[in-house]
PDB file of N, CA and C in Angstrom:
ATOM      1  N   MET A   1      60.480 100.136  49.202  1.00  0.00           N
ATOM      2  CA  MET A   1      60.625 101.557  50.517  1.00  0.00           C
ATOM      3  C   MET A   1      59.010 101.958  50.935  1.00  0.00           C
ATOM      4  N   LYS A   2      58.019 101.819  51.650  1.00  0.00           N
ATOM      5  CA  LYS A   2      57.023 102.589  51.551  1.00  0.00           C
ATOM      6  C   LYS A   2      57.494 103.611  52.735  1.00  0.00           C
ATOM      7  N   GLN A   3      56.310 105.122  52.495  1.00  0.00           N
ATOM      8  CA  GLN A   3      56.605 106.402  52.876  1.00  0.00           C
ATOM      9  C   GLN A   3      55.578 106.579  53.476  1.00  0.00           C
ATOM     10  N   LEU A   4      56.043 106.856  54.500  1.00  0.00           N
ATOM     11  CA  LEU A   4      55.202 106.741  55.846  1.00  0.00           C
ATOM     12  C   LEU A   4      54.823 109.092  55.068  1.00  0.00           C
ATOM     13  N   ASP A   5      53.283 108.708  55.394  1.00  0.00           N
ATOM     14  CA  ASP A   5      52.202 109.892  54.990  1.00  0.00           C
ATOM     15  C   ASP A   5      51.886 110.576  56.448  1.00  0.00           C
ATOM     16  N   LEU A   6      52.068 111.819  56.258  1.00  0.00           N
ATOM     17  CA  LEU A   6      51.838 112.473  57.252  1.00  0.00           C
ATOM     18  C   LEU A   6      51.354 113.665  57.018  1.00  0.00           C
ATOM     19  N   GLU A   7      50.261 113.413  55.218  1.00  0.00           N
ATOM     20  CA  GLU A   7      49.390 115.051  55.353  1.00  0.00           C
ATOM     21  C   GLU A   7      50.563 116.259  54.313  1.00  0.00           C
ATOM     22  N   ASN A   8      51.110 116.819  55.005  1.00  0.00           N
ATOM     23  CA  ASN A   8      52.136 117.340  54.560  1.00  0.00           C
ATOM     24  C   ASN A   8      53.636 117.644  53.834  1.00  0.00           C
ATOM     25  N   PHE A   9      53.551 115.830  55.503  1.00  0.00           N
ATOM     26  CA  PHE A   9      55.537 115.912  54.887  1.00  0.00           C
ATOM     27  C   PHE A   9      55.691 114.615  54.075  1.00  0.00           C
ATOM     28  N   GLU A  10      55.897 113.411  54.405  1.00  0.00           N
ATOM     29  CA  GLU A  10      55.991 112.423  53.942  1.00  0.00           C
ATOM     30  C   GLU A  10      57.902 111.925  55.036  1.00  0.00           C
ATOM     31  N   CYS A  11      58.076 110.685  55.439  1.00  0.00           N
ATOM     32  CA  CYS A  11      58.651 109.903  55.341  1.00  0.00           C
ATOM     33  C   CYS A  11      59.584 109.100  55.141  1.00  0.00           C
ATOM     34  N   ASN A  12      60.759 108.583  55.136  1.00  0.00           N
ATOM     35  CA  ASN A  12      61.441 107.674  54.629  1.00  0.00           C
ATOM     36  C   ASN A  12      62.347 107.053  55.865  1.00  0.00           C
ATOM     37  N   ILE A  13      62.276 106.072  56.410  1.00  0.00           N
ATOM     38  CA  ILE A  13      63.103 105.731  57.325  1.00  0.00           C
ATOM     39  C   ILE A  13      64.730 104.933  57.223  1.00  0.00           C
ATOM     40  N   GLY A  14      65.600 105.308  57.382  1.00  0.00           N
ATOM     41  CA  GLY A  14      67.030 104.542  56.530  1.00  0.00           C
ATOM     42  C   GLY A  14      68.427 105.544  57.047  1.00  0.00           C
ATOM     43  N   LEU A  15      69.857 104.716  56.826  1.00  0.00           N
ATOM     44  CA  LEU A  15      71.014 105.390  57.311  1.00  0.00           C
ATOM     45  C   LEU A  15      71.581 105.886  55.755  1.00  0.00           C
ATOM     46  N   MET A  16      72.045 107.571  56.297  1.00  0.00           N
ATOM     47  CA  MET A  16      72.066 108.707  55.133  1.00  0.00           C
ATOM     48  C   MET A  16      73.322 108.757  55.614  1.00  0.00           C
ATOM     49  N   ILE A  17      73.963 108.560  54.206  1.00  0.00           N
ATOM     50  CA  ILE A  17      75.981 109.190  54.678  1.00  0.00           C
ATOM     51  C   ILE A  17      75.787 110.405  52.739  1.00  0.00           C
ATOM     52  N   ARG A  18      76.472 111.111  53.910  1.00  0.00           N
ATOM     53  CA  ARG A  18      76.807 112.392  53.144  1.00  0.00           C
ATOM     54  C   ARG A  18      78.804 112.567  52.606  1.00  0.00           C
ATOM     55  N   GLU A  19      78.684 113.661  52.219  1.00  0.00           N
ATOM     56  CA  GLU A  19      80.068 113.985  52.480  1.00  0.00           C
ATOM     57  C   GLU A  19      80.354 115.136  53.257  1.00  0.00           C
ATOM     58  N   LYS A  20      81.983 114.836  54.662  1.00  0.00           N
ATOM     59  CA  LYS A  20      82.084 116.141  55.409  1.00  0.00           C
ATOM     60  C   LYS A  20      81.941 118.260  55.013  1.00  0.00           C
ATOM     61  N   GLU A  21      82.190 117.669  53.361  1.00  0.00           N
ATOM     62  CA  GLU A  21      82.271 118.962  53.444  1.00  0.00           C
ATOM     63  C   GLU A  21      81.471 119.550  51.902  1.00  0.00           C
ATOM     64  N   ASN A  22      80.579 118.930  51.668  1.00  0.00           N
ATOM     65  CA  ASN A  22      79.341 118.849  50.848  1.00  0.00           C
ATOM     66  C   ASN A  22      78.273 118.808  51.190  1.00  0.00           C
ATOM     67  N   HIS A  23      77.557 118.797  51.668  1.00  0.00           N
ATOM     68  CA  HIS A  23      75.920 117.652  52.361  1.00  0.00           C
ATOM     69  C   HIS A  23      75.410 118.004  51.680  1.00  0.00           C
ATOM     70  N   ASP A  24      75.054 118.533  50.754  1.00  0.00           N
ATOM     71  CA  ASP A  24      74.234 118.169  49.408  1.00  0.00           C
ATOM     72  C   ASP A  24      74.626 116.661  49.097  1.00  0.00           C
ATOM     73  N   ASN A  25      75.939 116.770  49.089  1.00  0.00           N
ATOM     74  CA  ASN A  25      75.239 115.309  48.315  1.00  0.00           C
ATOM     75  C   ASN A  25      75.509 113.790  49.385  1.00  0.00           C
ATOM     76  N   TYR A  26      74.225 113.536  49.295  1.00  0.00           N
ATOM     77  CA  TYR A  26      74.204 112.023  50.376  1.00  0.00           C
ATOM     78  C   TYR A  26      73.709 111.213  49.204  1.00  0.00           C
ATOM     79  N   ALA A  27      73.993 110.139  50.239  1.00  0.00           N
ATOM     80  CA  ALA A  27      72.233 109.268  49.717  1.00  0.00           C
ATOM     81  C   ALA A  27      72.120 108.093  50.241  1.00  0.00           C
ATOM     82  N   LEU A  28      70.161 107.935  51.074  1.00  0.00           N
ATOM     83  CA  LEU A  28      69.845 107.016  51.771  1.00  0.00           C
ATOM     84  C   LEU A  28      69.537 106.007  51.818  1.00  0.00           C
ATOM     85  N   LEU A  29      69.484 105.098  52.682  1.00  0.00           N
ATOM     86  CA  LEU A  29      70.459 103.210  52.146  1.00  0.00           C
ATOM     87  C   LEU A  29      69.012 103.063  53.039  1.00  0.00           C
ATOM     88  N   ARG A  30      68.167 102.138  52.189  1.00  0.00           N
ATOM     89  CA  ARG A  30      66.789 102.065  52.553  1.00  0.00           C
ATOM     90  C   ARG A  30      67.189 101.293  53.566  1.00  0.00           C
ATOM     91  N   PHE A  31      66.583 100.551  54.674  1.00  0.00           N
ATOM     92  CA  PHE A  31      66.653  98.786  55.690  1.00  0.00           C
ATOM     93  C   PHE A  31      66.618  98.115  54.948  1.00  0.00           C
ATOM     94  N   ASP A  32      65.743  97.855  53.710  1.00  0.00           N
ATOM     95  CA  ASP A  32      65.507  97.191  53.044  1.00  0.00           C
ATOM     96  C   ASP A  32      67.365  96.608  52.697  1.00  0.00           C
ATOM     97  N   ASP A  33      67.598  97.087  51.914  1.00  0.00           N
ATOM     98  CA  ASP A  33      68.772  97.318  51.158  1.00  0.00           C
ATOM     99  C   ASP A  33      70.035  96.747  52.264  1.00  0.00           C
ATOM    100  N   LEU A  34      70.674  96.527  53.374  1.00  0.00           N
ATOM    101  CA  LEU A  34      71.309  96.243  54.190  1.00  0.00           C
ATOM    102  C   LEU A  34      71.199  95.016  54.235  1.00  0.00           C
ATOM    103  N   ASP A  35      70.823  93.892  54.469  1.00  0.00           N
ATOM    104  CA  ASP A  35      72.038  93.163  53.817  1.00  0.00           C
ATOM    105  C   ASP A  35      71.793  92.798  52.657  1.00  0.00           C
ATOM    106  N   LYS A  36      72.620  93.527  51.464  1.00  0.00           N
ATOM    107  CA  LYS A  36      72.929  92.948  50.188  1.00  0.00           C
ATOM    108  C   LYS A  36      74.415  94.576  50.701  1.00  0.00           C
ATOM    109  N   ILE A  37      74.564  95.667  51.428  1.00  0.00           N
ATOM    110  CA  ILE A  37      74.981  96.318  51.642  1.00  0.00           C
ATOM    111  C   ILE A  37      76.050  94.822  52.211  1.00  0.00           C
ATOM    112  N   ILE A  38      75.083  94.691  53.265  1.00  0.00           N
ATOM    113  CA  ILE A  38      76.980  93.520  54.537  1.00  0.00           C
ATOM    114  C   ILE A  38      77.162  92.667  53.662  1.00  0.00           C
ATOM    115  N   GLU A  39      76.257  92.463  52.250  1.00  0.00           N
ATOM    116  CA  GLU A  39      77.240  91.036  51.570  1.00  0.00           C
ATOM    117  C   GLU A  39      78.423  91.395  51.295  1.00  0.00           C
ATOM    118  N   TYR A  40      77.422  92.169  50.259  1.00  0.00           N
ATOM    119  CA  TYR A  40      79.327  92.641  49.894  1.00  0.00           C
ATOM    120  C   TYR A  40      80.420  93.905  50.208  1.00  0.00           C
ATOM    121  N   TYR A  41      79.736  94.609  51.810  1.00  0.00           N
ATOM    122  CA  TYR A  41      80.927  94.194  51.922  1.00  0.00           C
ATOM    123  C   TYR A  41      81.881  93.262  53.014  1.00  0.00           C
ATOM    124  N   ASN A  42      81.094  92.402  53.234  1.00  0.00           N
ATOM    125  CA  ASN A  42      81.425  91.103  53.547  1.00  0.00           C
ATOM    126  C   ASN A  42      82.664  91.045  51.578  1.00  0.00           C
ATOM    127  N   SER A  43      81.933  90.092  50.495  1.00  0.00           N
ATOM    128  CA  SER A  43      83.266  90.185  49.583  1.00  0.00           C
ATOM    129  C   SER A  43      84.284  91.233  49.420  1.00  0.00           C
ATOM    130  N   PHE A  44      84.262  92.355  49.722  1.00  0.00           N
ATOM    131  CA  PHE A  44      85.340  93.376  49.634  1.00  0.00           C
ATOM    132  C   PHE A  44      86.016  93.014  50.205  1.00  0.00           C
ATOM    133  N   LYS A  45      86.172  92.297  51.756  1.00  0.00           N
ATOM    134  CA  LYS A  45      86.934  92.422  52.650  1.00  0.00           C
ATOM    135  C   LYS A  45      87.139  91.149  53.179  1.00  0.00           C
ATOM    136  N   ASP A  46      87.236  90.193  52.166  1.00  0.00           N
ATOM    137  CA  ASP A  46      87.183  88.818  52.548  1.00  0.00           C
ATOM    138  C   ASP A  46      88.207  88.890  51.132  1.00  0.00           C
ATOM    139  N   GLU A  47      88.351  89.848  49.640  1.00  0.00           N
ATOM    140  CA  GLU A  47      88.790  89.809  48.999  1.00  0.00           C
ATOM    141  C   GLU A  47      90.809  90.552  48.417  1.00  0.00           C
ATOM    142  N   PHE A  48      89.612  91.506  50.066  1.00  0.00           N
ATOM    143  CA  PHE A  48      90.987  91.834  50.748  1.00  0.00           C
ATOM    144  C   PHE A  48      92.107  92.169  51.378  1.00  0.00           C
ATOM    145  N   ASP A  49      91.716  91.504  52.803  1.00  0.00           N
ATOM    146  CA  ASP A  49      91.851  90.083  53.039  1.00  0.00           C
ATOM    147  C   ASP A  49      93.150  89.155  52.739  1.00  0.00           C
ATOM    148  N   SER A  50      91.894  88.708  51.738  1.00  0.00           N
ATOM    149  CA  SER A  50      93.595  87.846  50.510  1.00  0.00           C
ATOM    150  C   SER A  50      94.743  87.974  50.423  1.00  0.00           C
ATOM    151  N   LYS A  51      94.908  89.449  49.976  1.00  0.00           N
ATOM    152  CA  LYS A  51      95.773  90.551  48.808  1.00  0.00           C
ATOM    153  C   LYS A  51      96.092  90.349  50.043  1.00  0.00           C
ATOM    154  N   LEU A  52      96.097  90.907  50.476  1.00  0.00           N
ATOM    155  CA  LEU A  52      96.683  91.770  51.524  1.00  0.00           C
ATOM    156  C   LEU A  52      97.617  90.169  52.739  1.00  0.00           C
ATOM    157  N   ASN A  53      96.874  89.056  52.735  1.00  0.00           N
ATOM    158  CA  ASN A  53      97.748  88.232  53.434  1.00  0.00           C
ATOM    159  C   ASN A  53      98.858  87.497  52.262  1.00  0.00           C
ATOM    160  N   GLY A  54      98.942  87.673  50.921  1.00  0.00           N
ATOM    161  CA  GLY A  54      99.122  86.866  49.775  1.00  0.00           C
ATOM    162  C   GLY A  54     100.697  88.362  50.145  1.00  0.00           C
ATOM    163  N   LYS A  55     100.771  89.353  49.928  1.00  0.00           N
ATOM    164  CA  LYS A  55     101.699  90.730  50.136  1.00  0.00           C
ATOM    165  C   LYS A  55     102.265  89.603  51.639  1.00  0.00           C
ATOM    166  N   LYS A  56     102.159  89.676  52.942  1.00  0.00           N
ATOM    167  CA  LYS A  56     102.592  89.336  53.063  1.00  0.00           C
ATOM    168  C   LYS A  56     103.207  88.005  53.933  1.00  0.00           C
ATOM    169  N   MET A  57     103.496  87.483  52.868  1.00  0.00           N
ATOM    170  CA  MET A  57     103.283  85.592  52.848  1.00  0.00           C
ATOM    171  C   MET A  57     104.834  86.319  51.806  1.00  0.00           C
ATOM    172  N   GLU A  58     104.562  87.165  50.842  1.00  0.00           N
ATOM    173  CA  GLU A  58     105.621  86.723  50.126  1.00  0.00           C
ATOM    174  C   GLU A  58     107.143  88.000  51.097  1.00  0.00           C
ATOM    175  N   LYS A  59     106.309  88.662  51.209  1.00  0.00           N
ATOM    176  CA  LYS A  59     107.585  89.567  52.039  1.00  0.00           C
ATOM    177  C   LYS A  59     108.822  87.942  52.985  1.00  0.00           C
ATOM    178  N   SER A  60     107.262  87.974  53.889  1.00  0.00           N
ATOM    179  CA  SER A  60     108.286  86.584  54.344  1.00  0.00           C
ATOM    180  C   SER A  60     109.497  85.084  54.102  1.00  0.00           C
ATOM    181  N   GLU A  61     108.936  85.716  52.702  1.00  0.00           N
ATOM    182  CA  GLU A  61     109.687  84.447  53.089  1.00  0.00           C
ATOM    183  C   GLU A  61     110.822  85.058  51.987  1.00  0.00           C
TER     184      GLU A  61
END
């Protein structure tokens, strides 16, 4: 990730996630990482959906 040098300031562009109660606890997600995050989310969602569908089928039987 390139930093934008503004003499006395630096700028990183991305998405910041943080806790609602503790704003000092945060993470900066770089746009370079978005593809990896989406891939991880989709794999988690697919696994969760398959487990959820398995439980629904057990109840219907």
